Amino acid sequence: MKQQPANPPAHYRVSQEILMSFAAPPRWCWLSGHGGLVRFLQEQKTTSDGQDLEASRLAGMFWFDEILFSSTRAQAKSELHAQFPKGPPQGTTLRSLTGLFMRLCLRQDLAICKNWTQDFDGYAVLPLRPQDALLALVGPIREQPYYSKLRKRDKRHALAESKNIRLPGGAEQFVVDFSLKENRAHEGRIMGPFPF
C-alpha cells in the first residue's frame, strides 16, 4: 500500500479520543493500492460481563494494514501445522485455531482492550487500487491497559487491573472518516463481514 503526504481536510477537527489512540503525532496521508485495509467487527450482544455491545459499523473509522492481517494468518497456520502435524485435536478445526491465534496476536499489536469486546466476530476489508486516493490519519497505535479504565468497571477485572497488564500496540493505525467528501466513494467498496 502506498502512502503520500496529504493536507488535513479543511475545517475538520480530530477528536481528543482519536488523537489519544496514537503513540506519536499522526500524519495525514493519501492511501492507494496495491493492498488494502482491514477492520475488526463485533456483533450486537451482551458479554459475559453483562456489557451491552452495539454491532460494529462496516464503515467504522479504525483500520489496519491488510499485510499485518495476512502475515499473522500465515504465521498462525505455520505454527499450528508444526504443533499439530497430524491435524488439530478432536473437536477443533485448523480454521478455528488459526482464528483464535490471530485474534490473540492482533489484540496485542492493535491494543484493543478486552472490555471493548471479549472477542472479534469477523472482519471487513477495503481493497485499494493504484488509482485510489483514500484520506486517512496514520500513525502507530498507543499501548493501553488490557481492561480500559475508560470503560464500565467490572469487579472480576480487578486483579488484571491491579497487575496493570498492558497491550503493547505499535502496529500502524489508519483512521478513515467516510463522511469526508474525499472518502465517500470508497465506502461502497468495503467487503464483509467475513468470519475468521
N, C-alpha and C. Protein backbone atom coordinates (compact mmCIF):
# COMPACT_ATOMS: atom_id res chain seq x y z
N MET A 1 0.85 -1.19 0.00
CA MET A 1 0.00 0.00 0.00
C MET A 1 0.89 1.24 0.00
N LYS A 2 0.53 2.19 -0.82
CA LYS A 2 1.30 3.43 -0.91
C LYS A 2 0.68 4.50 -0.02
N GLN A 3 1.56 5.33 0.57
CA GLN A 3 1.14 6.46 1.39
C GLN A 3 1.81 7.72 0.86
N GLN A 4 1.01 8.71 0.55
CA GLN A 4 1.52 10.01 0.12
C GLN A 4 1.06 11.07 1.11
N PRO A 5 1.94 11.98 1.52
CA PRO A 5 1.54 13.03 2.47
C PRO A 5 0.34 13.82 1.94
N ALA A 6 -0.54 14.21 2.86
CA ALA A 6 -1.74 14.97 2.50
C ALA A 6 -1.92 16.12 3.49
N ASN A 7 -2.63 17.14 3.06
CA ASN A 7 -3.01 18.23 3.96
C ASN A 7 -4.26 17.82 4.73
N PRO A 8 -4.40 18.29 5.96
CA PRO A 8 -5.64 17.99 6.70
C PRO A 8 -6.84 18.55 5.96
N PRO A 9 -7.98 17.86 6.02
CA PRO A 9 -9.18 18.42 5.37
C PRO A 9 -9.59 19.72 6.04
N ALA A 10 -10.06 20.65 5.25
CA ALA A 10 -10.44 21.97 5.76
C ALA A 10 -11.56 21.86 6.78
N HIS A 11 -11.45 22.62 7.85
CA HIS A 11 -12.48 22.73 8.90
C HIS A 11 -12.78 21.39 9.58
N TYR A 12 -11.83 20.48 9.58
CA TYR A 12 -12.06 19.16 10.19
C TYR A 12 -11.32 19.09 11.52
N ARG A 13 -12.03 18.69 12.56
CA ARG A 13 -11.43 18.56 13.88
C ARG A 13 -11.34 17.09 14.26
N VAL A 14 -10.15 16.68 14.64
CA VAL A 14 -9.94 15.31 15.10
C VAL A 14 -10.20 15.29 16.61
N SER A 15 -11.02 14.33 17.07
CA SER A 15 -11.37 14.28 18.49
C SER A 15 -10.15 13.92 19.33
N GLN A 16 -10.20 14.33 20.58
CA GLN A 16 -9.11 14.01 21.52
C GLN A 16 -9.00 12.51 21.72
N GLU A 17 -10.13 11.80 21.71
CA GLU A 17 -10.11 10.34 21.87
C GLU A 17 -9.31 9.67 20.75
N ILE A 18 -9.51 10.14 19.52
CA ILE A 18 -8.76 9.58 18.39
C ILE A 18 -7.28 9.93 18.50
N LEU A 19 -6.96 11.17 18.82
CA LEU A 19 -5.56 11.57 18.96
C LEU A 19 -4.87 10.77 20.06
N MET A 20 -5.59 10.47 21.14
CA MET A 20 -5.01 9.71 22.25
C MET A 20 -4.77 8.25 21.90
N SER A 21 -5.34 7.77 20.79
CA SER A 21 -5.14 6.37 20.40
C SER A 21 -3.80 6.17 19.68
N PHE A 22 -3.10 7.25 19.36
CA PHE A 22 -1.81 7.17 18.68
C PHE A 22 -0.65 7.30 19.67
N ALA A 23 0.42 6.56 19.41
CA ALA A 23 1.61 6.62 20.27
C ALA A 23 2.49 7.81 19.92
N ALA A 24 2.31 8.37 18.75
CA ALA A 24 3.08 9.53 18.29
C ALA A 24 2.13 10.40 17.46
N PRO A 25 2.46 11.66 17.26
CA PRO A 25 1.57 12.51 16.46
C PRO A 25 1.30 11.88 15.09
N PRO A 26 0.02 11.69 14.74
CA PRO A 26 -0.30 11.08 13.44
C PRO A 26 -0.11 12.06 12.30
N ARG A 27 -0.10 11.53 11.09
CA ARG A 27 0.06 12.36 9.89
C ARG A 27 -1.09 12.04 8.93
N TRP A 28 -1.47 13.03 8.14
CA TRP A 28 -2.48 12.82 7.10
C TRP A 28 -1.82 12.26 5.86
N CYS A 29 -2.44 11.24 5.27
CA CYS A 29 -1.89 10.60 4.07
C CYS A 29 -2.99 10.24 3.09
N TRP A 30 -2.62 10.23 1.80
CA TRP A 30 -3.45 9.64 0.76
C TRP A 30 -3.01 8.18 0.62
N LEU A 31 -3.95 7.26 0.66
CA LEU A 31 -3.63 5.83 0.53
C LEU A 31 -4.09 5.32 -0.82
N SER A 32 -3.27 4.45 -1.40
CA SER A 32 -3.65 3.80 -2.67
C SER A 32 -3.03 2.40 -2.69
N GLY A 33 -3.48 1.60 -3.66
CA GLY A 33 -3.00 0.22 -3.77
C GLY A 33 -1.70 0.15 -4.51
N HIS A 34 -1.23 -1.04 -4.57
CA HIS A 34 -1.86 -2.34 -4.30
C HIS A 34 -1.84 -2.62 -2.81
N GLY A 35 -2.90 -3.20 -2.32
CA GLY A 35 -3.00 -3.50 -0.91
C GLY A 35 -4.40 -3.22 -0.42
N GLY A 36 -4.54 -3.06 0.88
CA GLY A 36 -5.85 -2.78 1.43
C GLY A 36 -5.81 -2.61 2.93
N LEU A 37 -6.97 -2.34 3.49
CA LEU A 37 -7.14 -2.16 4.91
C LEU A 37 -8.11 -3.20 5.45
N VAL A 38 -7.95 -3.52 6.74
CA VAL A 38 -8.82 -4.48 7.43
C VAL A 38 -9.36 -3.81 8.68
N ARG A 39 -10.58 -4.18 9.04
CA ARG A 39 -11.21 -3.66 10.26
C ARG A 39 -11.89 -4.82 10.97
N PHE A 40 -11.69 -4.92 12.29
CA PHE A 40 -12.37 -5.95 13.07
C PHE A 40 -13.80 -5.51 13.38
N LEU A 41 -14.69 -6.48 13.47
CA LEU A 41 -16.11 -6.23 13.72
C LEU A 41 -16.60 -7.08 14.88
N GLN A 42 -17.56 -6.56 15.61
CA GLN A 42 -18.25 -7.34 16.63
C GLN A 42 -19.74 -7.30 16.34
N GLU A 43 -20.42 -8.36 16.73
CA GLU A 43 -21.87 -8.41 16.58
C GLU A 43 -22.52 -7.72 17.78
N GLN A 44 -23.79 -7.36 17.63
CA GLN A 44 -24.53 -6.82 18.77
C GLN A 44 -24.76 -7.96 19.75
N LYS A 45 -24.39 -7.74 21.02
CA LYS A 45 -24.53 -8.81 22.00
C LYS A 45 -24.35 -8.26 23.40
N THR A 46 -24.64 -9.10 24.37
CA THR A 46 -24.34 -8.81 25.77
C THR A 46 -23.23 -9.76 26.18
N THR A 47 -22.14 -9.21 26.69
CA THR A 47 -20.99 -10.04 27.06
C THR A 47 -21.26 -10.79 28.36
N SER A 48 -20.35 -11.70 28.69
CA SER A 48 -20.46 -12.45 29.95
C SER A 48 -20.35 -11.50 31.15
N ASP A 49 -19.76 -10.31 30.92
CA ASP A 49 -19.66 -9.29 31.97
C ASP A 49 -20.96 -8.51 32.14
N GLY A 50 -21.92 -8.75 31.25
CA GLY A 50 -23.17 -8.00 31.29
C GLY A 50 -23.11 -6.68 30.55
N GLN A 51 -22.08 -6.49 29.73
CA GLN A 51 -21.94 -5.25 28.97
C GLN A 51 -22.67 -5.39 27.63
N ASP A 52 -23.55 -4.44 27.33
CA ASP A 52 -24.26 -4.44 26.06
C ASP A 52 -23.39 -3.79 24.99
N LEU A 53 -23.11 -4.53 23.93
CA LEU A 53 -22.27 -4.03 22.85
C LEU A 53 -23.11 -3.82 21.60
N GLU A 54 -22.91 -2.68 20.97
CA GLU A 54 -23.57 -2.42 19.70
C GLU A 54 -22.80 -3.14 18.59
N ALA A 55 -23.48 -3.47 17.52
CA ALA A 55 -22.80 -4.04 16.36
C ALA A 55 -21.88 -2.99 15.75
N SER A 56 -20.70 -3.42 15.31
CA SER A 56 -19.77 -2.50 14.66
C SER A 56 -20.31 -2.05 13.32
N ARG A 57 -20.01 -0.80 12.98
CA ARG A 57 -20.34 -0.32 11.64
C ARG A 57 -19.30 -0.83 10.66
N LEU A 58 -19.76 -1.30 9.52
CA LEU A 58 -18.84 -1.78 8.49
C LEU A 58 -17.86 -0.68 8.11
N ALA A 59 -18.38 0.53 7.98
CA ALA A 59 -17.55 1.68 7.57
C ALA A 59 -17.10 2.48 8.79
N GLY A 60 -16.64 1.79 9.82
CA GLY A 60 -16.13 2.46 11.00
C GLY A 60 -14.81 3.17 10.71
N MET A 61 -14.25 3.79 11.71
CA MET A 61 -13.09 4.66 11.50
C MET A 61 -11.74 3.98 11.66
N PHE A 62 -11.64 2.91 12.43
CA PHE A 62 -10.33 2.35 12.78
C PHE A 62 -10.00 1.13 11.92
N TRP A 63 -8.87 1.20 11.20
CA TRP A 63 -8.43 0.17 10.25
C TRP A 63 -6.95 -0.12 10.45
N PHE A 64 -6.51 -1.28 9.94
CA PHE A 64 -5.09 -1.58 9.93
C PHE A 64 -4.72 -2.24 8.60
N ASP A 65 -3.43 -2.36 8.35
CA ASP A 65 -2.92 -2.82 7.05
C ASP A 65 -3.24 -4.30 6.83
N GLU A 66 -3.75 -4.61 5.67
CA GLU A 66 -4.08 -5.99 5.32
C GLU A 66 -2.85 -6.89 5.37
N ILE A 67 -1.66 -6.33 5.16
CA ILE A 67 -0.44 -7.14 5.22
C ILE A 67 -0.23 -7.71 6.62
N LEU A 68 -0.51 -6.92 7.66
CA LEU A 68 -0.40 -7.41 9.04
C LEU A 68 -1.37 -8.56 9.25
N PHE A 69 -2.59 -8.41 8.74
CA PHE A 69 -3.61 -9.46 8.87
C PHE A 69 -3.16 -10.74 8.18
N SER A 70 -2.73 -10.64 6.92
CA SER A 70 -2.37 -11.84 6.16
C SER A 70 -1.08 -12.48 6.67
N SER A 71 -0.12 -11.67 7.13
CA SER A 71 1.11 -12.25 7.66
C SER A 71 0.87 -12.95 8.99
N THR A 72 -0.04 -12.41 9.82
CA THR A 72 -0.39 -13.07 11.08
C THR A 72 -1.11 -14.38 10.80
N ARG A 73 -1.96 -14.40 9.79
CA ARG A 73 -2.65 -15.64 9.41
C ARG A 73 -1.63 -16.69 8.94
N ALA A 74 -0.67 -16.29 8.11
CA ALA A 74 0.34 -17.23 7.62
C ALA A 74 1.18 -17.77 8.77
N GLN A 75 1.53 -16.90 9.71
CA GLN A 75 2.30 -17.32 10.89
C GLN A 75 1.48 -18.32 11.71
N ALA A 76 0.19 -18.03 11.90
CA ALA A 76 -0.68 -18.92 12.67
C ALA A 76 -0.73 -20.31 12.02
N LYS A 77 -0.96 -20.35 10.72
CA LYS A 77 -1.04 -21.65 10.03
C LYS A 77 0.26 -22.42 10.14
N SER A 78 1.39 -21.73 9.97
CA SER A 78 2.69 -22.38 10.04
C SER A 78 2.94 -22.97 11.42
N GLU A 79 2.70 -22.18 12.46
CA GLU A 79 2.94 -22.65 13.82
C GLU A 79 1.98 -23.77 14.22
N LEU A 80 0.74 -23.68 13.77
CA LEU A 80 -0.22 -24.73 14.11
C LEU A 80 0.07 -26.03 13.37
N HIS A 81 0.52 -25.94 12.13
CA HIS A 81 0.93 -27.15 11.40
C HIS A 81 2.11 -27.82 12.09
N ALA A 82 3.05 -27.01 12.58
CA ALA A 82 4.21 -27.56 13.29
C ALA A 82 3.80 -28.18 14.62
N GLN A 83 2.83 -27.56 15.32
CA GLN A 83 2.38 -28.05 16.62
C GLN A 83 1.50 -29.28 16.50
N PHE A 84 0.71 -29.35 15.44
CA PHE A 84 -0.22 -30.47 15.23
C PHE A 84 -0.01 -31.08 13.86
N PRO A 85 1.13 -31.78 13.64
CA PRO A 85 1.42 -32.31 12.30
C PRO A 85 0.40 -33.34 11.82
N LYS A 86 -0.29 -33.99 12.75
CA LYS A 86 -1.30 -34.99 12.36
C LYS A 86 -2.71 -34.42 12.37
N GLY A 87 -2.80 -33.12 12.48
CA GLY A 87 -4.11 -32.47 12.49
C GLY A 87 -4.45 -31.95 13.88
N PRO A 88 -5.40 -31.02 13.95
CA PRO A 88 -5.76 -30.41 15.24
C PRO A 88 -6.44 -31.42 16.16
N PRO A 89 -6.45 -31.14 17.46
CA PRO A 89 -7.12 -32.04 18.41
C PRO A 89 -8.60 -32.23 18.05
N GLN A 90 -9.11 -33.38 18.45
CA GLN A 90 -10.52 -33.69 18.17
C GLN A 90 -11.42 -32.61 18.78
N GLY A 91 -12.40 -32.21 18.02
CA GLY A 91 -13.34 -31.18 18.48
C GLY A 91 -12.95 -29.78 18.05
N THR A 92 -11.79 -29.66 17.40
CA THR A 92 -11.38 -28.36 16.90
C THR A 92 -11.06 -28.48 15.41
N THR A 93 -10.92 -27.34 14.78
CA THR A 93 -10.52 -27.32 13.37
C THR A 93 -9.31 -26.40 13.23
N LEU A 94 -8.57 -26.61 12.17
CA LEU A 94 -7.43 -25.72 11.92
C LEU A 94 -7.90 -24.28 11.74
N ARG A 95 -9.05 -24.13 11.11
CA ARG A 95 -9.59 -22.78 10.89
C ARG A 95 -9.91 -22.08 12.21
N SER A 96 -10.55 -22.81 13.15
CA SER A 96 -10.90 -22.18 14.43
C SER A 96 -9.65 -21.85 15.24
N LEU A 97 -8.65 -22.73 15.22
CA LEU A 97 -7.40 -22.47 15.94
C LEU A 97 -6.63 -21.31 15.31
N THR A 98 -6.66 -21.23 13.98
CA THR A 98 -6.00 -20.12 13.29
C THR A 98 -6.66 -18.80 13.68
N GLY A 99 -7.99 -18.77 13.70
CA GLY A 99 -8.72 -17.57 14.09
C GLY A 99 -8.40 -17.14 15.51
N LEU A 100 -8.33 -18.13 16.43
CA LEU A 100 -8.01 -17.83 17.83
C LEU A 100 -6.60 -17.24 17.95
N PHE A 101 -5.64 -17.86 17.27
CA PHE A 101 -4.25 -17.38 17.26
C PHE A 101 -4.20 -15.94 16.76
N MET A 102 -4.88 -15.68 15.66
CA MET A 102 -4.85 -14.33 15.08
C MET A 102 -5.46 -13.30 16.01
N ARG A 103 -6.59 -13.64 16.62
CA ARG A 103 -7.26 -12.69 17.49
C ARG A 103 -6.39 -12.36 18.71
N LEU A 104 -5.70 -13.36 19.25
CA LEU A 104 -4.84 -13.11 20.41
C LEU A 104 -3.65 -12.23 20.02
N CYS A 105 -3.00 -12.57 18.92
CA CYS A 105 -1.82 -11.79 18.49
C CYS A 105 -2.21 -10.37 18.09
N LEU A 106 -3.27 -10.24 17.31
CA LEU A 106 -3.64 -8.93 16.81
C LEU A 106 -4.22 -8.04 17.90
N ARG A 107 -4.84 -8.64 18.92
CA ARG A 107 -5.29 -7.82 20.06
C ARG A 107 -4.09 -7.11 20.69
N GLN A 108 -2.97 -7.82 20.79
CA GLN A 108 -1.75 -7.22 21.35
C GLN A 108 -1.23 -6.10 20.45
N ASP A 109 -1.08 -6.40 19.15
CA ASP A 109 -0.50 -5.43 18.21
C ASP A 109 -1.37 -4.19 18.04
N LEU A 110 -2.69 -4.39 18.08
CA LEU A 110 -3.62 -3.29 17.85
C LEU A 110 -4.09 -2.64 19.15
N ALA A 111 -3.66 -3.21 20.30
CA ALA A 111 -4.02 -2.69 21.62
C ALA A 111 -5.52 -2.48 21.76
N ILE A 112 -6.28 -3.53 21.46
CA ILE A 112 -7.74 -3.48 21.57
C ILE A 112 -8.12 -4.04 22.93
N CYS A 113 -8.60 -3.18 23.82
CA CYS A 113 -8.86 -3.61 25.20
C CYS A 113 -9.93 -4.69 25.25
N LYS A 114 -9.79 -5.55 26.23
CA LYS A 114 -10.67 -6.72 26.36
C LYS A 114 -12.11 -6.31 26.63
N ASN A 115 -12.33 -5.20 27.30
CA ASN A 115 -13.71 -4.84 27.58
C ASN A 115 -14.34 -3.97 26.50
N TRP A 116 -13.60 -3.73 25.39
CA TRP A 116 -14.29 -3.20 24.20
C TRP A 116 -15.06 -4.35 23.57
N THR A 117 -14.43 -5.50 23.47
CA THR A 117 -15.12 -6.71 23.05
C THR A 117 -14.36 -7.91 23.59
N GLN A 118 -15.09 -8.92 24.06
CA GLN A 118 -14.45 -10.15 24.52
C GLN A 118 -13.84 -10.91 23.34
N ASP A 119 -14.42 -10.73 22.18
CA ASP A 119 -13.98 -11.49 21.02
C ASP A 119 -14.23 -10.65 19.78
N PHE A 120 -13.59 -11.03 18.68
CA PHE A 120 -13.88 -10.41 17.40
C PHE A 120 -14.73 -11.40 16.62
N ASP A 121 -15.85 -10.94 16.10
CA ASP A 121 -16.78 -11.84 15.42
C ASP A 121 -16.49 -11.94 13.93
N GLY A 122 -15.77 -11.01 13.39
CA GLY A 122 -15.46 -11.03 11.96
C GLY A 122 -14.61 -9.83 11.59
N TYR A 123 -14.47 -9.64 10.29
CA TYR A 123 -13.67 -8.53 9.82
C TYR A 123 -14.19 -8.04 8.47
N ALA A 124 -13.83 -6.81 8.15
CA ALA A 124 -14.17 -6.20 6.86
C ALA A 124 -12.87 -5.85 6.15
N VAL A 125 -12.93 -5.78 4.83
CA VAL A 125 -11.75 -5.46 4.01
C VAL A 125 -12.11 -4.33 3.06
N LEU A 126 -11.19 -3.39 2.94
CA LEU A 126 -11.32 -2.33 1.94
C LEU A 126 -10.12 -2.44 1.00
N PRO A 127 -10.30 -3.07 -0.18
CA PRO A 127 -9.18 -3.16 -1.13
C PRO A 127 -8.88 -1.79 -1.73
N LEU A 128 -7.60 -1.53 -1.94
CA LEU A 128 -7.18 -0.27 -2.54
C LEU A 128 -6.49 -0.52 -3.87
N ARG A 129 -6.89 0.23 -4.87
CA ARG A 129 -6.32 0.12 -6.22
C ARG A 129 -5.30 1.23 -6.43
N PRO A 130 -4.42 1.09 -7.42
CA PRO A 130 -3.42 2.13 -7.67
C PRO A 130 -4.02 3.51 -7.93
N GLN A 131 -5.21 3.56 -8.53
CA GLN A 131 -5.82 4.85 -8.86
C GLN A 131 -6.61 5.46 -7.69
N ASP A 132 -6.71 4.76 -6.57
CA ASP A 132 -7.46 5.27 -5.43
C ASP A 132 -6.71 6.37 -4.70
N ALA A 133 -7.46 7.18 -3.97
CA ALA A 133 -6.90 8.20 -3.08
C ALA A 133 -7.82 8.28 -1.86
N LEU A 134 -7.48 7.50 -0.84
CA LEU A 134 -8.26 7.46 0.40
C LEU A 134 -7.52 8.29 1.43
N LEU A 135 -8.22 9.24 2.04
CA LEU A 135 -7.60 10.14 3.01
C LEU A 135 -7.69 9.52 4.41
N ALA A 136 -6.53 9.39 5.07
CA ALA A 136 -6.50 8.76 6.39
C ALA A 136 -5.51 9.46 7.30
N LEU A 137 -5.80 9.35 8.59
CA LEU A 137 -4.87 9.80 9.62
C LEU A 137 -4.08 8.56 10.04
N VAL A 138 -2.75 8.62 9.96
CA VAL A 138 -1.92 7.42 10.07
C VAL A 138 -0.88 7.59 11.16
N GLY A 139 -0.66 6.54 11.94
CA GLY A 139 0.39 6.56 12.96
C GLY A 139 0.38 5.30 13.78
N PRO A 140 1.37 5.13 14.66
CA PRO A 140 1.46 3.93 15.49
C PRO A 140 0.42 3.95 16.61
N ILE A 141 -0.05 2.76 16.96
CA ILE A 141 -1.08 2.63 18.00
C ILE A 141 -0.43 2.67 19.38
N ARG A 142 -1.03 3.44 20.26
CA ARG A 142 -0.55 3.59 21.64
C ARG A 142 -0.92 2.34 22.45
N GLU A 143 -0.04 1.99 23.38
CA GLU A 143 -0.37 0.89 24.29
C GLU A 143 -1.52 1.31 25.20
N GLN A 144 -2.22 0.34 25.74
CA GLN A 144 -3.26 0.64 26.71
C GLN A 144 -3.47 -0.55 27.63
N PRO A 145 -4.17 -0.35 28.75
CA PRO A 145 -4.42 -1.47 29.66
C PRO A 145 -5.26 -2.55 28.99
N TYR A 146 -5.07 -3.77 29.43
CA TYR A 146 -5.85 -4.90 28.93
C TYR A 146 -7.35 -4.64 29.16
N TYR A 147 -7.68 -4.10 30.33
CA TYR A 147 -9.03 -3.64 30.61
C TYR A 147 -8.99 -2.13 30.75
N SER A 148 -9.61 -1.42 29.82
CA SER A 148 -9.54 0.03 29.82
C SER A 148 -10.31 0.61 31.00
N LYS A 149 -9.70 1.55 31.68
CA LYS A 149 -10.38 2.22 32.80
C LYS A 149 -11.45 3.19 32.31
N LEU A 150 -11.46 3.48 31.01
CA LEU A 150 -12.47 4.37 30.45
C LEU A 150 -13.81 3.66 30.28
N ARG A 151 -13.77 2.34 30.31
CA ARG A 151 -14.99 1.56 30.11
C ARG A 151 -15.62 1.20 31.45
N LYS A 152 -16.81 0.61 31.35
CA LYS A 152 -17.52 0.17 32.55
C LYS A 152 -16.66 -0.80 33.37
N ARG A 153 -16.54 -0.51 34.65
CA ARG A 153 -15.73 -1.37 35.52
C ARG A 153 -16.50 -2.65 35.89
N ASP A 154 -15.75 -3.71 36.05
CA ASP A 154 -16.33 -4.98 36.47
C ASP A 154 -15.40 -5.53 37.54
N LYS A 155 -15.97 -5.90 38.68
CA LYS A 155 -15.12 -6.35 39.79
C LYS A 155 -14.30 -7.59 39.43
N ARG A 156 -14.76 -8.35 38.42
CA ARG A 156 -13.99 -9.53 38.01
C ARG A 156 -12.69 -9.14 37.32
N HIS A 157 -12.56 -7.88 36.91
CA HIS A 157 -11.35 -7.41 36.25
C HIS A 157 -10.35 -6.81 37.23
N ALA A 158 -10.72 -6.74 38.49
CA ALA A 158 -9.91 -6.02 39.48
C ALA A 158 -8.48 -6.55 39.54
N LEU A 159 -8.30 -7.87 39.52
CA LEU A 159 -6.95 -8.44 39.61
C LEU A 159 -6.11 -8.03 38.41
N ALA A 160 -6.70 -8.15 37.21
CA ALA A 160 -5.96 -7.76 36.00
C ALA A 160 -5.63 -6.27 36.02
N GLU A 161 -6.57 -5.46 36.49
CA GLU A 161 -6.31 -4.02 36.57
C GLU A 161 -5.23 -3.71 37.59
N SER A 162 -5.24 -4.41 38.73
CA SER A 162 -4.23 -4.15 39.77
C SER A 162 -2.83 -4.56 39.31
N LYS A 163 -2.75 -5.55 38.43
CA LYS A 163 -1.45 -6.00 37.89
C LYS A 163 -0.99 -5.10 36.74
N ASN A 164 -1.87 -4.20 36.30
CA ASN A 164 -1.56 -3.26 35.22
C ASN A 164 -1.09 -3.97 33.95
N ILE A 165 -1.81 -5.01 33.56
CA ILE A 165 -1.49 -5.74 32.34
C ILE A 165 -1.72 -4.82 31.16
N ARG A 166 -0.73 -4.73 30.26
CA ARG A 166 -0.77 -3.77 29.15
C ARG A 166 -0.81 -4.51 27.81
N LEU A 167 -1.47 -3.88 26.85
CA LEU A 167 -1.44 -4.31 25.46
C LEU A 167 -0.44 -3.38 24.76
N PRO A 168 0.64 -3.91 24.18
CA PRO A 168 1.72 -3.04 23.71
C PRO A 168 1.39 -2.17 22.50
N GLY A 169 0.46 -2.61 21.64
CA GLY A 169 0.17 -1.82 20.45
C GLY A 169 1.37 -1.77 19.53
N GLY A 170 1.57 -0.63 18.88
CA GLY A 170 2.72 -0.45 18.00
C GLY A 170 2.43 -0.65 16.52
N ALA A 171 1.36 -1.37 16.19
CA ALA A 171 1.01 -1.53 14.78
C ALA A 171 0.58 -0.19 14.20
N GLU A 172 0.63 -0.07 12.89
CA GLU A 172 0.21 1.17 12.25
C GLU A 172 -1.31 1.19 12.15
N GLN A 173 -1.89 2.31 12.51
CA GLN A 173 -3.34 2.50 12.52
C GLN A 173 -3.73 3.51 11.45
N PHE A 174 -4.87 3.26 10.81
CA PHE A 174 -5.41 4.14 9.79
C PHE A 174 -6.80 4.56 10.23
N VAL A 175 -6.97 5.84 10.52
CA VAL A 175 -8.29 6.35 10.90
C VAL A 175 -8.89 6.98 9.65
N VAL A 176 -10.01 6.42 9.22
CA VAL A 176 -10.67 6.83 7.98
C VAL A 176 -12.09 7.29 8.30
N ASP A 177 -12.40 8.52 7.95
CA ASP A 177 -13.74 9.06 8.15
C ASP A 177 -14.44 9.08 6.78
N PHE A 178 -15.42 8.19 6.63
CA PHE A 178 -16.11 8.07 5.35
C PHE A 178 -17.14 9.17 5.13
N SER A 179 -17.34 10.04 6.13
CA SER A 179 -18.24 11.18 5.90
C SER A 179 -17.51 12.30 5.15
N LEU A 180 -16.20 12.25 5.07
CA LEU A 180 -15.45 13.24 4.30
C LEU A 180 -15.72 13.05 2.82
N LYS A 181 -15.88 14.15 2.10
CA LYS A 181 -16.20 14.04 0.67
C LYS A 181 -15.12 13.29 -0.09
N GLU A 182 -13.87 13.38 0.37
CA GLU A 182 -12.77 12.69 -0.29
C GLU A 182 -12.89 11.16 -0.19
N ASN A 183 -13.63 10.68 0.83
CA ASN A 183 -13.68 9.24 1.09
C ASN A 183 -15.01 8.58 0.78
N ARG A 184 -16.04 9.36 0.47
CA ARG A 184 -17.38 8.78 0.33
C ARG A 184 -17.46 7.69 -0.73
N ALA A 185 -16.76 7.86 -1.83
CA ALA A 185 -16.85 6.87 -2.91
C ALA A 185 -16.27 5.52 -2.51
N HIS A 186 -15.40 5.51 -1.52
CA HIS A 186 -14.75 4.25 -1.11
C HIS A 186 -15.64 3.40 -0.22
N GLU A 187 -16.60 4.02 0.45
CA GLU A 187 -17.42 3.28 1.41
C GLU A 187 -18.15 2.11 0.77
N GLY A 188 -18.64 2.31 -0.43
CA GLY A 188 -19.40 1.26 -1.12
C GLY A 188 -18.54 0.07 -1.55
N ARG A 189 -17.22 0.19 -1.44
CA ARG A 189 -16.33 -0.90 -1.84
C ARG A 189 -15.85 -1.75 -0.68
N ILE A 190 -16.33 -1.42 0.53
CA ILE A 190 -15.96 -2.24 1.70
C ILE A 190 -16.63 -3.60 1.57
N MET A 191 -15.85 -4.65 1.80
CA MET A 191 -16.36 -6.03 1.68
C MET A 191 -16.41 -6.68 3.07
N GLY A 192 -17.45 -7.48 3.27
CA GLY A 192 -17.59 -8.18 4.54
C GLY A 192 -19.00 -8.03 5.07
N PRO A 193 -19.26 -8.51 6.26
CA PRO A 193 -18.28 -9.11 7.18
C PRO A 193 -17.90 -10.53 6.77
N PHE A 194 -16.65 -10.88 7.08
CA PHE A 194 -16.13 -12.23 6.86
C PHE A 194 -15.85 -12.87 8.21
N PRO A 195 -16.07 -14.19 8.33
CA PRO A 195 -15.69 -14.88 9.57
C PRO A 195 -14.19 -15.17 9.57
N PHE A 196 -13.64 -15.42 10.74
CA PHE A 196 -12.23 -15.80 10.82
C PHE A 196 -12.05 -17.22 10.31
